[in-house]
Amino acid sequence: MMGLERIDTPAVLIDLDRVEGNLKRAQDYADAHNLPLRPHIKTHKLPRFAKRQIELGAIGITCQKLGEAEVMADAGIDDIFLPYNIIGDDKLARLKALHERITISVTADSSFVVAGLARTFADPNHKLRVLVECDTGMGRCGVQTPWAAVELAQQIAAAPGLHFTGLMTYPAAGKVAENEDFLEKAKAALEAQGLVPEVISNGGTPDIWHAHDVTVATEHRPGTYIYLDRFQVAKGVGKLEDCALTVLTTVVSRPTENRAIIDAGSKALTSDTLGMDGFGFIVGYPDARIVGLSEEHGTIDLSGSAKKPEIGERLRIIPNHACVVSNLFDTVTLISGDEVVETVPVAARGRVG
């Protein structure tokens, strides 16, 4: 195996040993609480890792785009949840093609979405599984009340080619009690109407170690847990030394004593701050701050750092948000320690739909 010094920059490094540790830690937790995992592959977009998640005990995977689901189905994964409103004839046709190949479930949060699904899927002998998406505090998609969930579930159940399967939410971080309350009320209201949800799908990595507190949930969909990142460390999910994804970059300029410029800008490091100071954590330089990103340059403030990197020095950065970084690179380099194992394409990157 060759060493990291042979890798051109900027590049994404994935530490396989840390990946394995993160996956096993989460699966052990889920097993201990009898809570099935359905990991979200948007973080890594790699069939090899999706398969490993299933090998360790996951019941299937979650994809956010049709293109991702198509890649994973082509790789042999046959149980996929796609929690997204599928709208438009072209997308519905692709969804139908997937439905003919694998077990796939989707969500809806409006009559408009249900009508499109009902128009496309009409076979009562091969129904599409549909969950109602609930907004339990995130403020994104989802019905706004438990009673709206019942109304939409009734519309799904009335469609000959659709099967009402349950409820899904992506909750706001730190709002475990509010999430539980909404889902409990929705479940009770559904059961009162004779609509028993088979699946209540909860999600997110920030509260993964409290997932068992949402007792009504029947599965959990973590994504970032496989790599972790600076934000997840700030939320207490893991430690910096658990972070499996780093961006390898080179110092290309030291125009002043307290400024360094690296060859990783917004096209290599996410511009997401997620409420944190700066754009990533520099391994070995904890007091240095990445204060600005242009497209191909990152600006590091060294005024608070006693140790300062030199021109030509290579740095490893833990990004604020690993999922975005995965989608910025065509390939990632898998490593073990400081040795390169393999460079692989990010198979589901850039897939439309």
Protein backbone atom coordinates (compact mmCIF):
# COMPACT_ATOMS: atom_id res chain seq x y z
CA MET A 1 0.00 0.00 0.00
CA MET A 2 1.21 3.50 -0.76
CA GLY A 3 1.28 6.34 1.76
CA LEU A 4 -0.78 9.51 1.92
CA GLU A 5 2.12 11.56 0.51
CA ARG A 6 1.21 10.16 -2.93
CA ILE A 7 -2.34 11.53 -2.83
CA ASP A 8 -2.89 14.78 -4.74
CA THR A 9 -4.86 17.51 -2.98
CA PRO A 10 -7.55 18.42 -2.26
CA ALA A 11 -8.82 14.90 -1.61
CA VAL A 12 -11.28 13.15 0.64
CA LEU A 13 -9.84 10.47 2.92
CA ILE A 14 -12.08 7.84 4.53
CA ASP A 15 -10.61 5.96 7.49
CA LEU A 16 -11.97 2.42 7.21
CA ASP A 17 -11.19 1.52 10.81
CA ARG A 18 -13.15 4.51 12.09
CA VAL A 19 -16.03 3.72 9.74
CA GLU A 20 -16.21 0.21 11.13
CA GLY A 21 -16.10 1.47 14.71
CA ASN A 22 -18.88 4.00 14.09
CA LEU A 23 -21.11 1.46 12.35
CA LYS A 24 -20.67 -1.18 15.03
CA ARG A 25 -21.22 1.29 17.87
CA ALA A 26 -24.56 2.41 16.42
CA GLN A 27 -25.70 -1.10 15.53
CA ASP A 28 -24.84 -2.36 19.02
CA TYR A 29 -26.89 0.48 20.51
CA ALA A 30 -29.82 -0.28 18.21
CA ASP A 31 -29.67 -3.99 18.99
CA ALA A 32 -29.57 -3.30 22.72
CA HIS A 33 -32.76 -1.25 22.43
CA ASN A 34 -34.48 -3.53 19.91
CA LEU A 35 -34.66 -0.62 17.47
CA PRO A 36 -34.05 -1.54 13.82
CA LEU A 37 -31.74 0.73 11.82
CA ARG A 38 -32.41 1.81 8.25
CA PRO A 39 -29.29 3.90 7.53
CA HIS A 40 -29.37 6.87 5.18
CA ILE A 41 -26.77 6.48 2.44
CA LYS A 42 -26.73 10.18 1.47
CA THR A 43 -23.67 10.60 3.69
CA HIS A 44 -21.42 8.11 1.89
CA LYS A 45 -23.20 7.26 -1.40
CA LEU A 46 -21.12 4.06 -1.65
CA PRO A 47 -22.73 0.63 -2.23
CA ARG A 48 -19.88 -1.07 -0.33
CA PHE A 49 -20.76 0.81 2.85
CA ALA A 50 -24.52 0.31 2.38
CA LYS A 51 -23.89 -3.42 2.11
CA ARG A 52 -21.70 -3.36 5.20
CA GLN A 53 -24.44 -1.58 7.15
CA ILE A 54 -26.85 -4.36 6.18
CA GLU A 55 -24.30 -7.05 7.04
CA LEU A 56 -24.04 -5.59 10.53
CA GLY A 57 -27.81 -5.75 11.03
CA ALA A 58 -29.57 -2.89 9.25
CA ILE A 59 -33.00 -3.88 7.87
CA GLY A 60 -32.51 -1.91 4.64
CA ILE A 61 -31.36 1.53 3.57
CA THR A 62 -32.71 5.02 3.03
CA CYS A 63 -32.02 7.12 -0.08
CA GLN A 64 -32.99 10.73 -0.63
CA LYS A 65 -33.04 10.70 -4.43
CA LEU A 66 -34.32 8.34 -7.09
CA GLY A 67 -30.87 8.34 -8.65
CA GLU A 68 -29.33 7.14 -5.40
CA ALA A 69 -31.94 4.40 -5.10
CA GLU A 70 -31.28 3.27 -8.68
CA VAL A 71 -27.54 2.99 -7.99
CA MET A 72 -28.14 1.01 -4.81
CA ALA A 73 -30.67 -1.27 -6.50
CA ASP A 74 -28.18 -1.92 -9.31
CA ALA A 75 -25.68 -2.93 -6.60
CA GLY A 76 -28.09 -5.59 -5.32
CA ILE A 77 -29.78 -3.84 -2.40
CA ASP A 78 -33.46 -4.77 -2.49
CA ASP A 79 -35.13 -2.92 0.41
CA ILE A 80 -35.01 0.85 0.05
CA PHE A 81 -36.96 3.68 1.67
CA LEU A 82 -37.14 6.93 -0.28
CA PRO A 83 -38.63 9.56 2.08
CA TYR A 84 -39.24 12.26 -0.49
CA ASN A 85 -42.23 13.68 -2.36
CA ILE A 86 -42.00 12.19 -5.86
CA ILE A 87 -43.57 14.63 -8.34
CA GLY A 88 -43.67 14.60 -12.14
CA ASP A 89 -44.36 11.90 -14.72
CA ASP A 90 -40.70 11.15 -15.44
CA LYS A 91 -39.84 10.59 -11.78
CA LEU A 92 -43.00 8.56 -11.23
CA ALA A 93 -42.08 6.32 -14.16
CA ARG A 94 -38.62 5.74 -12.69
CA LEU A 95 -40.18 4.98 -9.31
CA LYS A 96 -42.51 2.46 -10.95
CA ALA A 97 -39.54 0.78 -12.62
CA LEU A 98 -37.84 0.46 -9.23
CA HIS A 99 -41.05 -0.88 -7.71
CA GLU A 100 -40.95 -3.71 -10.26
CA ARG A 101 -37.42 -4.66 -9.17
CA ILE A 102 -37.19 -4.20 -5.41
CA THR A 103 -39.16 -3.45 -2.26
CA ILE A 104 -39.40 0.32 -2.16
CA SER A 105 -41.36 2.68 0.07
CA VAL A 106 -41.95 6.41 -0.31
CA THR A 107 -43.55 9.29 1.56
CA ALA A 108 -46.20 11.88 0.84
CA ASP A 109 -47.27 15.00 2.71
CA SER A 110 -50.06 16.31 0.46
CA SER A 111 -53.04 15.23 -1.60
CA PHE A 112 -51.17 16.37 -4.70
CA VAL A 113 -48.38 13.86 -4.11
CA VAL A 114 -50.82 11.06 -3.28
CA ALA A 115 -52.82 11.74 -6.45
CA GLY A 116 -49.69 11.35 -8.59
CA LEU A 117 -48.77 8.12 -6.87
CA ALA A 118 -52.33 6.77 -7.17
CA ARG A 119 -52.42 7.61 -10.87
CA THR A 120 -49.14 5.75 -11.49
CA PHE A 121 -49.62 2.76 -9.22
CA ALA A 122 -52.97 1.11 -9.83
CA ASP A 123 -52.33 -2.62 -9.39
CA PRO A 124 -54.06 -3.84 -6.21
CA ASN A 125 -51.94 -6.98 -6.34
CA HIS A 126 -48.65 -5.07 -6.22
CA LYS A 127 -49.21 -1.99 -4.13
CA LEU A 128 -46.67 0.76 -3.48
CA ARG A 129 -45.86 1.29 0.18
CA VAL A 130 -46.52 4.91 1.19
CA LEU A 131 -45.85 6.61 4.53
CA VAL A 132 -47.17 9.99 5.63
CA GLU A 133 -44.39 12.46 6.35
CA CYS A 134 -44.93 14.42 9.56
CA ASP A 135 -43.37 17.73 10.54
CA THR A 136 -42.61 17.15 14.21
CA GLY A 137 -40.60 20.35 14.61
CA MET A 138 -38.02 20.52 11.81
CA GLY A 139 -40.04 23.03 9.79
CA ARG A 140 -39.39 21.40 6.44
CA CYS A 141 -41.77 18.97 4.68
CA GLY A 142 -44.55 17.11 6.45
CA VAL A 143 -48.17 17.39 7.56
CA GLN A 144 -48.55 19.87 10.36
CA THR A 145 -50.85 18.03 12.77
CA PRO A 146 -51.56 14.43 13.77
CA TRP A 147 -55.09 14.82 12.43
CA ALA A 148 -53.80 15.94 9.04
CA ALA A 149 -51.77 12.73 9.03
CA VAL A 150 -54.97 10.73 9.47
CA GLU A 151 -56.69 12.54 6.61
CA LEU A 152 -53.82 11.86 4.24
CA ALA A 153 -53.53 8.25 5.38
CA GLN A 154 -57.18 7.75 4.49
CA GLN A 155 -56.53 9.05 0.98
CA ILE A 156 -53.60 6.67 0.59
CA ALA A 157 -55.60 3.70 1.88
CA ALA A 158 -58.43 4.49 -0.53
CA ALA A 159 -56.18 4.26 -3.60
CA PRO A 160 -56.28 0.71 -5.07
CA GLY A 161 -52.56 0.60 -5.93
CA LEU A 162 -51.23 2.20 -2.73
CA HIS A 163 -50.67 0.67 0.68
CA PHE A 164 -50.72 2.96 3.71
CA THR A 165 -47.65 1.81 5.61
CA GLY A 166 -47.17 4.30 8.43
CA LEU A 167 -45.55 7.54 9.48
CA MET A 168 -42.16 9.11 8.87
CA THR A 169 -40.41 12.13 10.35
CA TYR A 170 -37.08 13.87 10.29
CA PRO A 171 -37.18 15.66 13.65
CA ALA A 172 -35.42 18.77 14.84
CA ALA A 173 -32.27 18.02 16.84
CA GLY A 174 -32.84 18.14 20.58
CA LYS A 175 -36.64 17.89 20.29
CA VAL A 176 -37.03 14.24 21.27
CA ALA A 177 -40.04 14.79 23.57
CA GLU A 178 -41.90 16.90 21.02
CA ASN A 179 -41.24 14.30 18.35
CA GLU A 180 -42.55 11.50 20.54
CA ASP A 181 -45.67 13.49 21.43
CA PHE A 182 -46.62 14.19 17.81
CA LEU A 183 -46.06 10.61 16.67
CA GLU A 184 -47.94 9.12 19.61
CA LYS A 185 -50.96 11.32 18.93
CA ALA A 186 -50.87 10.51 15.22
CA LYS A 187 -50.62 6.78 15.92
CA ALA A 188 -53.55 6.86 18.33
CA ALA A 189 -55.68 8.89 15.90
CA LEU A 190 -54.89 6.48 13.06
CA GLU A 191 -55.75 3.43 15.14
CA ALA A 192 -59.05 5.03 16.11
CA GLN A 193 -59.89 5.09 12.40
CA GLY A 194 -58.81 1.51 11.83
CA LEU A 195 -55.54 2.50 10.17
CA VAL A 196 -52.76 0.77 12.08
CA PRO A 197 -49.29 2.05 11.08
CA GLU A 198 -46.91 -0.82 10.43
CA VAL A 199 -43.89 1.49 10.38
CA ILE A 200 -43.12 4.65 12.32
CA SER A 201 -39.80 5.83 10.94
CA ASN A 202 -37.71 8.27 12.95
CA GLY A 203 -34.37 9.71 11.82
CA GLY A 204 -31.24 11.74 12.41
CA THR A 205 -27.76 11.33 13.84
CA PRO A 206 -27.65 14.25 16.35
CA ASP A 207 -30.04 12.44 18.73
CA ILE A 208 -29.05 8.91 17.82
CA TRP A 209 -28.15 7.95 21.40
CA HIS A 210 -31.67 9.07 22.46
CA ALA A 211 -33.48 7.31 19.62
CA HIS A 212 -34.86 4.73 22.05
CA ASP A 213 -36.64 7.55 23.91
CA VAL A 214 -39.00 7.86 20.94
CA THR A 215 -40.72 4.69 22.06
CA VAL A 216 -43.38 4.79 19.36
CA ALA A 217 -40.78 4.53 16.57
CA THR A 218 -40.27 1.17 14.86
CA GLU A 219 -37.04 2.11 13.05
CA HIS A 220 -34.36 4.80 13.02
CA ARG A 221 -32.62 6.35 10.01
CA PRO A 222 -29.19 7.76 10.91
CA GLY A 223 -26.93 9.03 8.15
CA THR A 224 -23.87 10.99 9.27
CA TYR A 225 -23.06 8.48 12.02
CA ILE A 226 -20.93 6.48 9.59
CA TYR A 227 -18.36 9.30 9.21
CA LEU A 228 -19.31 11.86 11.88
CA ASP A 229 -18.10 15.44 11.46
CA ARG A 230 -17.39 18.59 13.45
CA PHE A 231 -21.09 19.30 13.98
CA GLN A 232 -21.86 15.81 15.27
CA VAL A 233 -18.92 16.06 17.65
CA ALA A 234 -20.34 19.37 18.92
CA LYS A 235 -23.63 17.55 19.52
CA GLY A 236 -21.88 14.87 21.56
CA VAL A 237 -22.45 12.01 19.12
CA GLY A 238 -18.77 11.13 19.04
CA LYS A 239 -15.25 12.49 19.42
CA LEU A 240 -12.91 14.11 16.93
CA GLU A 241 -10.87 10.91 16.84
CA ASP A 242 -14.03 9.05 15.68
CA CYS A 243 -14.42 11.22 12.57
CA ALA A 244 -13.75 9.00 9.58
CA LEU A 245 -13.85 11.61 6.80
CA THR A 246 -11.16 14.25 6.44
CA VAL A 247 -10.21 16.55 3.60
CA LEU A 248 -6.51 16.41 2.74
CA THR A 249 -5.27 19.82 1.63
CA THR A 250 -2.02 21.68 1.00
CA VAL A 251 -0.89 25.07 2.28
CA VAL A 252 -0.24 27.02 -0.93
CA SER A 253 0.52 30.47 0.52
CA ARG A 254 1.57 32.24 3.71
CA PRO A 255 1.08 35.90 2.67
CA THR A 256 1.35 37.09 6.30
CA GLU A 257 2.57 35.68 9.59
CA ASN A 258 -1.00 34.96 10.71
CA ARG A 259 -2.61 33.94 7.44
CA ALA A 260 -2.36 30.65 5.56
CA ILE A 261 -4.11 29.76 2.32
CA ILE A 262 -5.00 26.18 1.44
CA ASP A 263 -6.11 24.57 -1.82
CA ALA A 264 -9.50 23.59 -0.38
CA GLY A 265 -12.25 26.15 -0.79
CA SER A 266 -16.02 25.94 -1.13
CA LYS A 267 -15.64 23.25 -3.82
CA ALA A 268 -13.92 20.95 -1.33
CA LEU A 269 -15.15 22.06 2.10
CA THR A 270 -18.82 22.76 2.71
CA SER A 271 -19.75 26.37 3.40
CA ASP A 272 -22.21 25.12 6.04
CA THR A 273 -21.33 26.51 9.45
CA LEU A 274 -24.28 24.94 11.31
CA GLY A 275 -23.89 27.60 13.98
CA MET A 276 -20.19 26.94 14.55
CA ASP A 277 -17.20 29.23 14.18
CA GLY A 278 -15.33 28.64 10.95
CA PHE A 279 -15.45 25.96 8.28
CA GLY A 280 -13.80 22.93 9.83
CA PHE A 281 -11.33 21.60 12.40
CA ILE A 282 -7.66 21.38 11.38
CA VAL A 283 -6.11 18.23 12.83
CA GLY A 284 -2.93 19.14 14.72
CA TYR A 285 -3.76 22.85 14.75
CA PRO A 286 -6.71 23.13 17.14
CA ASP A 287 -6.35 26.89 17.62
CA ALA A 288 -6.18 27.75 13.92
CA ARG A 289 -9.47 28.89 12.37
CA ILE A 290 -10.70 28.46 8.81
CA VAL A 291 -12.33 31.86 8.47
CA GLY A 292 -13.14 32.09 4.77
CA LEU A 293 -13.79 30.04 1.66
CA SER A 294 -13.72 31.12 -1.94
CA GLU A 295 -14.10 28.54 -4.69
CA GLU A 296 -10.56 27.15 -4.67
CA HIS A 297 -8.99 28.84 -1.64
CA GLY A 298 -9.48 28.45 2.08
CA THR A 299 -8.26 31.16 4.44
CA ILE A 300 -6.84 30.16 7.82
CA ASP A 301 -6.40 32.64 10.66
CA LEU A 302 -3.30 31.68 12.66
CA SER A 303 -3.33 34.61 15.08
CA GLY A 304 -4.43 32.39 17.97
CA SER A 305 -2.19 29.47 17.09
CA ALA A 306 1.31 29.14 18.56
CA LYS A 307 2.18 26.51 15.93
CA LYS A 308 1.85 27.62 12.32
CA PRO A 309 1.94 25.46 9.16
CA GLU A 310 4.44 26.19 6.40
CA ILE A 311 3.96 26.49 2.65
CA GLY A 312 3.76 23.01 1.15
CA GLU A 313 2.59 21.40 4.38
CA ARG A 314 -0.36 19.06 4.04
CA LEU A 315 -3.24 19.38 6.49
CA ARG A 316 -6.22 17.19 7.30
CA ILE A 317 -9.50 18.93 8.00
CA ILE A 318 -12.60 17.54 9.67
CA PRO A 319 -15.45 19.35 7.88
CA ASN A 320 -18.46 20.84 9.60
CA HIS A 321 -20.82 18.66 7.54
CA ALA A 322 -19.49 15.46 6.01
CA CYS A 323 -22.54 14.70 3.83
CA VAL A 324 -22.01 17.76 1.66
CA VAL A 325 -18.31 17.01 1.19
CA SER A 326 -19.12 13.50 -0.10
CA ASN A 327 -21.13 15.10 -2.86
CA LEU A 328 -18.32 17.45 -3.92
CA PHE A 329 -15.85 14.76 -5.06
CA ASP A 330 -15.99 12.15 -7.80
CA THR A 331 -13.77 9.81 -5.80
CA VAL A 332 -12.74 9.20 -2.20
CA THR A 333 -9.59 7.51 -0.95
CA LEU A 334 -10.03 4.72 1.56
CA ILE A 335 -7.25 4.51 4.13
CA SER A 336 -6.16 2.43 7.10
CA GLY A 337 -3.95 4.43 9.41
CA ASP A 338 -1.65 6.41 7.11
CA GLU A 339 -1.74 3.85 4.30
CA VAL A 340 -3.89 4.05 1.18
CA VAL A 341 -6.15 1.03 0.62
CA GLU A 342 -8.06 2.07 -2.49
CA THR A 343 -9.50 5.05 -4.34
CA VAL A 344 -13.14 4.48 -5.31
CA PRO A 345 -15.82 6.43 -7.21
CA VAL A 346 -18.63 8.01 -5.21
CA ALA A 347 -21.16 5.92 -7.08
CA ALA A 348 -24.37 7.77 -6.20
CA ARG A 349 -22.92 11.27 -6.46
CA GLY A 350 -24.68 13.67 -8.81
CA ARG A 351 -27.52 11.29 -9.62
CA VAL A 352 -30.59 13.30 -10.55
CA GLY A 353 -34.07 13.00 -9.11
